[in-house]
Amino acid sequence: MHQPVEEETNRTLILKLSNGETVIGNVSKETPSYVELTNPFRIMMIPNGMHMSLTILRWDMTIDFDYPVRVFKNTIVACGKPNETMMLNYNEVVSNGFDTSEPEEESTEKDLETIEEKIGELVKEAKSSKLH
C-alpha cells in the first residue's frame, strides 16, 4: 500500500477552526494529520458603526513565533486561499514585523505609541476595505 509522505509547502492559507477562530498563516509543512503554520495570525471581524472591519492580530501571545505551529486537521472546518486584499494586509503585518520576541520588562511610552500607531494604521486600512 502506498504510504502518504509529508508534503513540504510554502503557501498562505486561511483556516476556519472548529472553535470558531479564523487563522491565516504560511503552510510550511503538511502531513495527513496536521498542518504546520509559520506567522499565524487571527482574523477578526470588529463592528465599526454600521459596518464590519477586519483586523489581523497575533494568534496567541504565548506561542514562540520562531517555530511553526501545528494545527491538527481534525480541528479544521474549512480552508481557503486568501483574496488579494487579505494577502496584502497579511504580508504587510508580517513584513512590518510586530515584534514577536519576548517583551522587555518595561515598555516605554514611545514603544506604546508606535504600537498604537501601527494598530491605528491597520484599522484605518481595514475600514477602507468594504465587505460585501
N, C-alpha and C. Protein backbone atom coordinates (compact mmCIF):
# COMPACT_ATOMS: atom_id res chain seq x y z
N MET A 1 0.84 -1.18 0.00
CA MET A 1 0.00 0.00 0.00
C MET A 1 0.89 1.24 0.00
N HIS A 2 0.49 2.22 -0.75
CA HIS A 2 1.25 3.46 -0.86
C HIS A 2 1.10 4.29 0.40
N GLN A 3 2.21 4.65 1.03
CA GLN A 3 2.19 5.47 2.24
C GLN A 3 2.23 6.94 1.86
N PRO A 4 1.33 7.76 2.44
CA PRO A 4 1.42 9.20 2.16
C PRO A 4 2.69 9.76 2.78
N VAL A 5 3.30 10.69 2.09
CA VAL A 5 4.52 11.31 2.59
C VAL A 5 4.22 12.72 3.04
N GLU A 6 5.09 13.24 3.89
CA GLU A 6 4.94 14.62 4.32
C GLU A 6 5.10 15.52 3.11
N GLU A 7 4.26 16.51 3.02
CA GLU A 7 4.29 17.43 1.90
C GLU A 7 4.88 18.76 2.37
N GLU A 8 6.00 19.15 1.79
CA GLU A 8 6.59 20.45 2.09
C GLU A 8 5.90 21.47 1.20
N THR A 9 5.42 22.52 1.81
CA THR A 9 4.70 23.52 1.04
C THR A 9 5.15 24.90 1.47
N ASN A 10 4.78 25.87 0.71
CA ASN A 10 5.04 27.26 1.07
C ASN A 10 3.93 28.09 0.47
N ARG A 11 2.76 28.04 1.11
CA ARG A 11 1.61 28.80 0.64
C ARG A 11 0.89 29.39 1.84
N THR A 12 0.14 30.42 1.60
CA THR A 12 -0.62 31.06 2.67
C THR A 12 -2.06 30.59 2.58
N LEU A 13 -2.61 30.17 3.72
CA LEU A 13 -3.99 29.71 3.78
C LEU A 13 -4.73 30.39 4.92
N ILE A 14 -6.04 30.47 4.75
CA ILE A 14 -6.92 30.87 5.84
C ILE A 14 -7.61 29.60 6.31
N LEU A 15 -7.54 29.36 7.63
CA LEU A 15 -8.15 28.17 8.22
C LEU A 15 -9.29 28.60 9.14
N LYS A 16 -10.44 28.03 8.96
CA LYS A 16 -11.57 28.21 9.88
C LYS A 16 -11.53 27.00 10.81
N LEU A 17 -11.38 27.26 12.11
CA LEU A 17 -11.22 26.18 13.08
C LEU A 17 -12.54 25.84 13.76
N SER A 18 -12.62 24.65 14.31
CA SER A 18 -13.85 24.19 14.96
C SER A 18 -14.23 25.02 16.17
N ASN A 19 -13.28 25.76 16.77
CA ASN A 19 -13.61 26.61 17.91
C ASN A 19 -14.12 27.99 17.47
N GLY A 20 -14.26 28.21 16.16
CA GLY A 20 -14.79 29.46 15.64
C GLY A 20 -13.73 30.46 15.21
N GLU A 21 -12.47 30.21 15.55
CA GLU A 21 -11.41 31.14 15.16
C GLU A 21 -11.10 31.00 13.67
N THR A 22 -10.67 32.12 13.09
CA THR A 22 -10.18 32.14 11.72
C THR A 22 -8.72 32.55 11.78
N VAL A 23 -7.85 31.71 11.22
CA VAL A 23 -6.41 31.91 11.30
C VAL A 23 -5.83 31.98 9.90
N ILE A 24 -4.88 32.89 9.71
CA ILE A 24 -4.15 32.98 8.46
C ILE A 24 -2.68 32.70 8.77
N GLY A 25 -2.02 31.94 7.90
CA GLY A 25 -0.61 31.65 8.12
C GLY A 25 0.01 31.00 6.90
N ASN A 26 1.32 30.93 6.92
CA ASN A 26 2.07 30.27 5.84
C ASN A 26 2.23 28.80 6.19
N VAL A 27 1.80 27.93 5.28
CA VAL A 27 1.93 26.49 5.49
C VAL A 27 3.37 26.11 5.16
N SER A 28 4.09 25.65 6.17
CA SER A 28 5.48 25.25 5.96
C SER A 28 5.59 23.74 5.77
N LYS A 29 4.60 23.00 6.28
CA LYS A 29 4.63 21.54 6.17
C LYS A 29 3.22 21.02 6.35
N GLU A 30 2.91 19.95 5.62
CA GLU A 30 1.59 19.33 5.75
C GLU A 30 1.75 17.81 5.74
N THR A 31 1.09 17.15 6.67
CA THR A 31 1.07 15.70 6.75
C THR A 31 -0.38 15.25 6.69
N PRO A 32 -0.65 13.97 6.67
CA PRO A 32 -2.05 13.52 6.69
C PRO A 32 -2.81 13.96 7.95
N SER A 33 -2.12 14.24 9.04
CA SER A 33 -2.83 14.57 10.28
C SER A 33 -2.72 16.03 10.73
N TYR A 34 -1.76 16.78 10.22
CA TYR A 34 -1.63 18.16 10.67
C TYR A 34 -1.04 19.06 9.59
N VAL A 35 -1.18 20.37 9.85
CA VAL A 35 -0.60 21.41 9.01
C VAL A 35 0.27 22.26 9.94
N GLU A 36 1.48 22.58 9.52
CA GLU A 36 2.32 23.47 10.29
C GLU A 36 2.29 24.85 9.67
N LEU A 37 2.03 25.86 10.51
CA LEU A 37 1.95 27.24 10.07
C LEU A 37 3.08 28.07 10.67
N THR A 38 3.64 28.93 9.84
CA THR A 38 4.53 29.96 10.35
C THR A 38 3.78 31.28 10.26
N ASN A 39 4.11 32.20 11.14
CA ASN A 39 3.45 33.51 11.20
C ASN A 39 1.93 33.41 11.26
N PRO A 40 1.39 32.64 12.21
CA PRO A 40 -0.06 32.54 12.30
C PRO A 40 -0.68 33.77 12.97
N PHE A 41 -1.70 34.31 12.33
CA PHE A 41 -2.42 35.45 12.87
C PHE A 41 -3.90 35.14 12.85
N ARG A 42 -4.63 35.72 13.80
CA ARG A 42 -6.07 35.55 13.89
C ARG A 42 -6.74 36.68 13.11
N ILE A 43 -7.76 36.35 12.36
CA ILE A 43 -8.55 37.34 11.63
C ILE A 43 -9.84 37.53 12.42
N MET A 44 -10.13 38.78 12.74
CA MET A 44 -11.34 39.07 13.50
C MET A 44 -12.17 40.13 12.80
N MET A 45 -13.48 39.99 12.91
CA MET A 45 -14.41 40.99 12.42
C MET A 45 -14.76 41.88 13.60
N ILE A 46 -14.63 43.18 13.43
CA ILE A 46 -14.92 44.13 14.50
C ILE A 46 -15.99 45.09 14.02
N PRO A 47 -17.08 45.23 14.81
CA PRO A 47 -18.13 46.18 14.42
C PRO A 47 -17.58 47.60 14.39
N ASN A 48 -17.94 48.33 13.36
CA ASN A 48 -17.50 49.70 13.19
C ASN A 48 -18.70 50.52 12.74
N GLY A 49 -19.50 50.93 13.71
CA GLY A 49 -20.73 51.63 13.35
C GLY A 49 -21.68 50.67 12.66
N MET A 50 -22.05 51.01 11.43
CA MET A 50 -22.97 50.15 10.67
C MET A 50 -22.22 49.15 9.79
N HIS A 51 -20.90 49.18 9.84
CA HIS A 51 -20.09 48.30 9.01
C HIS A 51 -19.28 47.36 9.89
N MET A 52 -18.66 46.40 9.26
CA MET A 52 -17.74 45.49 9.95
C MET A 52 -16.35 45.72 9.36
N SER A 53 -15.35 45.72 10.22
CA SER A 53 -13.96 45.86 9.79
C SER A 53 -13.21 44.58 10.13
N LEU A 54 -12.24 44.27 9.30
CA LEU A 54 -11.37 43.13 9.58
C LEU A 54 -10.11 43.62 10.26
N THR A 55 -9.61 42.82 11.18
CA THR A 55 -8.32 43.12 11.79
C THR A 55 -7.53 41.83 11.90
N ILE A 56 -6.22 41.96 11.86
CA ILE A 56 -5.33 40.81 11.97
C ILE A 56 -4.53 40.98 13.25
N LEU A 57 -4.66 40.00 14.13
CA LEU A 57 -3.98 40.04 15.42
C LEU A 57 -3.10 38.81 15.56
N ARG A 58 -2.06 38.95 16.35
CA ARG A 58 -1.23 37.78 16.64
C ARG A 58 -2.12 36.70 17.23
N TRP A 59 -2.00 35.47 16.73
CA TRP A 59 -2.94 34.41 17.10
C TRP A 59 -2.91 34.11 18.59
N ASP A 60 -1.73 33.91 19.13
CA ASP A 60 -1.62 33.56 20.54
C ASP A 60 -0.32 34.14 21.07
N MET A 61 -0.44 34.99 22.06
CA MET A 61 0.74 35.67 22.60
C MET A 61 1.69 34.72 23.33
N THR A 62 1.25 33.51 23.64
CA THR A 62 2.12 32.57 24.35
C THR A 62 2.95 31.71 23.41
N ILE A 63 2.67 31.78 22.11
CA ILE A 63 3.37 30.95 21.13
C ILE A 63 4.68 31.63 20.72
N ASP A 64 5.74 30.85 20.66
CA ASP A 64 7.04 31.32 20.17
C ASP A 64 6.99 31.34 18.65
N PHE A 65 7.01 32.52 18.06
CA PHE A 65 6.88 32.66 16.61
C PHE A 65 8.12 32.21 15.85
N ASP A 66 9.18 31.83 16.54
CA ASP A 66 10.37 31.33 15.87
C ASP A 66 10.19 29.88 15.41
N TYR A 67 9.11 29.24 15.84
CA TYR A 67 8.85 27.84 15.50
C TYR A 67 7.47 27.72 14.86
N PRO A 68 7.31 26.78 13.93
CA PRO A 68 5.99 26.59 13.32
C PRO A 68 4.97 26.09 14.36
N VAL A 69 3.71 26.42 14.12
CA VAL A 69 2.62 25.97 14.97
C VAL A 69 1.91 24.83 14.26
N ARG A 70 1.66 23.75 14.98
CA ARG A 70 0.99 22.59 14.41
C ARG A 70 -0.51 22.70 14.66
N VAL A 71 -1.29 22.67 13.58
CA VAL A 71 -2.75 22.67 13.67
C VAL A 71 -3.21 21.31 13.16
N PHE A 72 -3.89 20.58 14.03
CA PHE A 72 -4.34 19.24 13.64
C PHE A 72 -5.57 19.34 12.76
N LYS A 73 -5.57 18.56 11.70
CA LYS A 73 -6.61 18.65 10.68
C LYS A 73 -8.01 18.36 11.21
N ASN A 74 -8.10 17.58 12.29
CA ASN A 74 -9.43 17.29 12.83
C ASN A 74 -10.06 18.52 13.49
N THR A 75 -9.30 19.63 13.62
CA THR A 75 -9.86 20.88 14.17
C THR A 75 -10.17 21.90 13.07
N ILE A 76 -9.87 21.55 11.83
CA ILE A 76 -10.09 22.48 10.71
C ILE A 76 -11.45 22.19 10.08
N VAL A 77 -12.31 23.21 10.04
CA VAL A 77 -13.64 23.08 9.46
C VAL A 77 -13.58 23.40 7.97
N ALA A 78 -12.81 24.43 7.61
CA ALA A 78 -12.69 24.85 6.22
C ALA A 78 -11.36 25.55 6.03
N CYS A 79 -10.88 25.57 4.80
CA CYS A 79 -9.66 26.31 4.49
C CYS A 79 -9.77 26.86 3.08
N GLY A 80 -9.01 27.92 2.84
CA GLY A 80 -9.04 28.52 1.52
C GLY A 80 -7.89 29.48 1.33
N LYS A 81 -7.73 29.87 0.09
CA LYS A 81 -6.69 30.82 -0.28
C LYS A 81 -7.19 32.23 0.01
N PRO A 82 -6.36 33.06 0.65
CA PRO A 82 -6.77 34.45 0.92
C PRO A 82 -6.95 35.24 -0.37
N ASN A 83 -7.90 36.17 -0.35
CA ASN A 83 -8.05 37.03 -1.52
C ASN A 83 -6.88 38.02 -1.56
N GLU A 84 -6.80 38.77 -2.64
CA GLU A 84 -5.66 39.66 -2.86
C GLU A 84 -5.51 40.71 -1.75
N THR A 85 -6.63 41.30 -1.32
CA THR A 85 -6.59 42.31 -0.26
C THR A 85 -6.09 41.71 1.05
N MET A 86 -6.60 40.54 1.39
CA MET A 86 -6.16 39.90 2.64
C MET A 86 -4.68 39.55 2.56
N MET A 87 -4.22 39.08 1.42
CA MET A 87 -2.79 38.75 1.27
C MET A 87 -1.93 40.00 1.46
N LEU A 88 -2.35 41.11 0.86
CA LEU A 88 -1.59 42.36 1.02
C LEU A 88 -1.53 42.76 2.48
N ASN A 89 -2.67 42.71 3.18
CA ASN A 89 -2.70 43.08 4.59
C ASN A 89 -1.86 42.13 5.44
N TYR A 90 -1.99 40.84 5.19
CA TYR A 90 -1.22 39.84 5.94
C TYR A 90 0.28 40.03 5.72
N ASN A 91 0.67 40.18 4.46
CA ASN A 91 2.10 40.37 4.16
C ASN A 91 2.64 41.63 4.79
N GLU A 92 1.82 42.68 4.85
CA GLU A 92 2.26 43.92 5.49
C GLU A 92 2.48 43.72 6.99
N VAL A 93 1.54 43.02 7.62
CA VAL A 93 1.69 42.75 9.06
C VAL A 93 2.94 41.92 9.31
N VAL A 94 3.14 40.89 8.52
CA VAL A 94 4.30 40.01 8.70
C VAL A 94 5.60 40.76 8.41
N SER A 95 5.64 41.53 7.31
CA SER A 95 6.88 42.21 6.94
C SER A 95 7.20 43.39 7.85
N ASN A 96 6.16 44.06 8.37
CA ASN A 96 6.41 45.17 9.29
C ASN A 96 6.80 44.66 10.66
N GLY A 97 6.63 43.37 10.82
CA GLY A 97 7.14 42.70 11.99
C GLY A 97 6.68 43.22 13.31
N PHE A 98 5.42 42.96 13.61
CA PHE A 98 5.05 43.15 15.00
C PHE A 98 6.05 42.31 15.76
N ASP A 99 6.71 42.91 16.70
CA ASP A 99 7.80 42.25 17.41
C ASP A 99 7.30 40.96 18.04
N THR A 100 7.86 39.83 17.60
CA THR A 100 7.44 38.53 18.11
C THR A 100 8.38 38.01 19.18
N SER A 101 9.37 38.81 19.57
CA SER A 101 10.27 38.38 20.63
C SER A 101 9.60 38.57 21.98
N GLU A 102 10.24 38.05 23.00
CA GLU A 102 9.71 38.22 24.35
C GLU A 102 9.69 39.69 24.71
N PRO A 103 8.62 40.16 25.35
CA PRO A 103 8.56 41.58 25.70
C PRO A 103 9.62 41.92 26.75
N GLU A 104 10.11 43.15 26.66
CA GLU A 104 11.05 43.62 27.67
C GLU A 104 10.29 43.84 28.96
N GLU A 105 11.03 43.93 30.05
CA GLU A 105 10.36 44.08 31.34
C GLU A 105 9.53 45.35 31.41
N GLU A 106 10.03 46.44 30.84
CA GLU A 106 9.28 47.69 30.86
C GLU A 106 9.21 48.25 29.45
N SER A 107 8.01 48.64 29.04
CA SER A 107 7.85 49.30 27.75
C SER A 107 7.87 50.80 27.97
N THR A 108 8.46 51.49 27.05
CA THR A 108 8.48 52.94 27.16
C THR A 108 7.22 53.49 26.52
N GLU A 109 6.90 54.74 26.82
CA GLU A 109 5.73 55.37 26.23
C GLU A 109 5.87 55.45 24.72
N LYS A 110 7.11 55.65 24.24
CA LYS A 110 7.33 55.73 22.80
C LYS A 110 7.01 54.39 22.14
N ASP A 111 7.41 53.27 22.78
CA ASP A 111 7.09 51.94 22.24
C ASP A 111 5.57 51.77 22.14
N LEU A 112 4.85 52.16 23.17
CA LEU A 112 3.40 52.03 23.17
C LEU A 112 2.77 52.91 22.10
N GLU A 113 3.30 54.12 21.90
CA GLU A 113 2.78 55.00 20.86
C GLU A 113 2.99 54.38 19.48
N THR A 114 4.15 53.77 19.27
CA THR A 114 4.45 53.13 17.98
C THR A 114 3.48 51.99 17.72
N ILE A 115 3.23 51.18 18.73
CA ILE A 115 2.29 50.06 18.58
C ILE A 115 0.90 50.59 18.29
N GLU A 116 0.48 51.62 19.02
CA GLU A 116 -0.84 52.20 18.79
C GLU A 116 -0.96 52.77 17.39
N GLU A 117 0.12 53.39 16.88
CA GLU A 117 0.11 53.92 15.52
C GLU A 117 -0.06 52.80 14.50
N LYS A 118 0.69 51.70 14.68
CA LYS A 118 0.58 50.57 13.75
C LYS A 118 -0.83 49.99 13.76
N ILE A 119 -1.40 49.82 14.95
CA ILE A 119 -2.75 49.28 15.05
C ILE A 119 -3.73 50.25 14.39
N GLY A 120 -3.55 51.56 14.63
CA GLY A 120 -4.41 52.56 14.02
C GLY A 120 -4.35 52.50 12.50
N GLU A 121 -3.15 52.34 11.95
CA GLU A 121 -3.00 52.25 10.50
C GLU A 121 -3.72 51.02 9.95
N LEU A 122 -3.59 49.88 10.65
CA LEU A 122 -4.26 48.66 10.20
C LEU A 122 -5.77 48.80 10.26
N VAL A 123 -6.27 49.41 11.33
CA VAL A 123 -7.71 49.60 11.46
C VAL A 123 -8.20 50.54 10.37
N LYS A 124 -7.45 51.64 10.11
CA LYS A 124 -7.84 52.58 9.05
C LYS A 124 -7.87 51.88 7.70
N GLU A 125 -6.86 51.03 7.45
CA GLU A 125 -6.81 50.30 6.18
C GLU A 125 -7.96 49.33 6.08
N ALA A 126 -8.29 48.65 7.18
CA ALA A 126 -9.39 47.70 7.18
C ALA A 126 -10.71 48.44 6.95
N LYS A 127 -10.85 49.64 7.48
CA LYS A 127 -12.09 50.41 7.29
C LYS A 127 -12.27 50.79 5.83
N SER A 128 -11.16 51.01 5.12
CA SER A 128 -11.27 51.41 3.72
C SER A 128 -11.63 50.24 2.81
N SER A 129 -11.47 49.00 3.30
CA SER A 129 -11.84 47.82 2.53
C SER A 129 -13.27 47.45 2.88
N LYS A 130 -14.18 47.57 1.90
CA LYS A 130 -15.57 47.26 2.16
C LYS A 130 -15.80 45.77 2.03
N LEU A 131 -16.60 45.24 2.93
CA LEU A 131 -17.00 43.85 2.88
C LEU A 131 -18.40 43.77 2.28
N HIS A 132 -18.63 42.77 1.46
CA HIS A 132 -19.96 42.60 0.86
C HIS A 132 -20.57 41.33 1.38
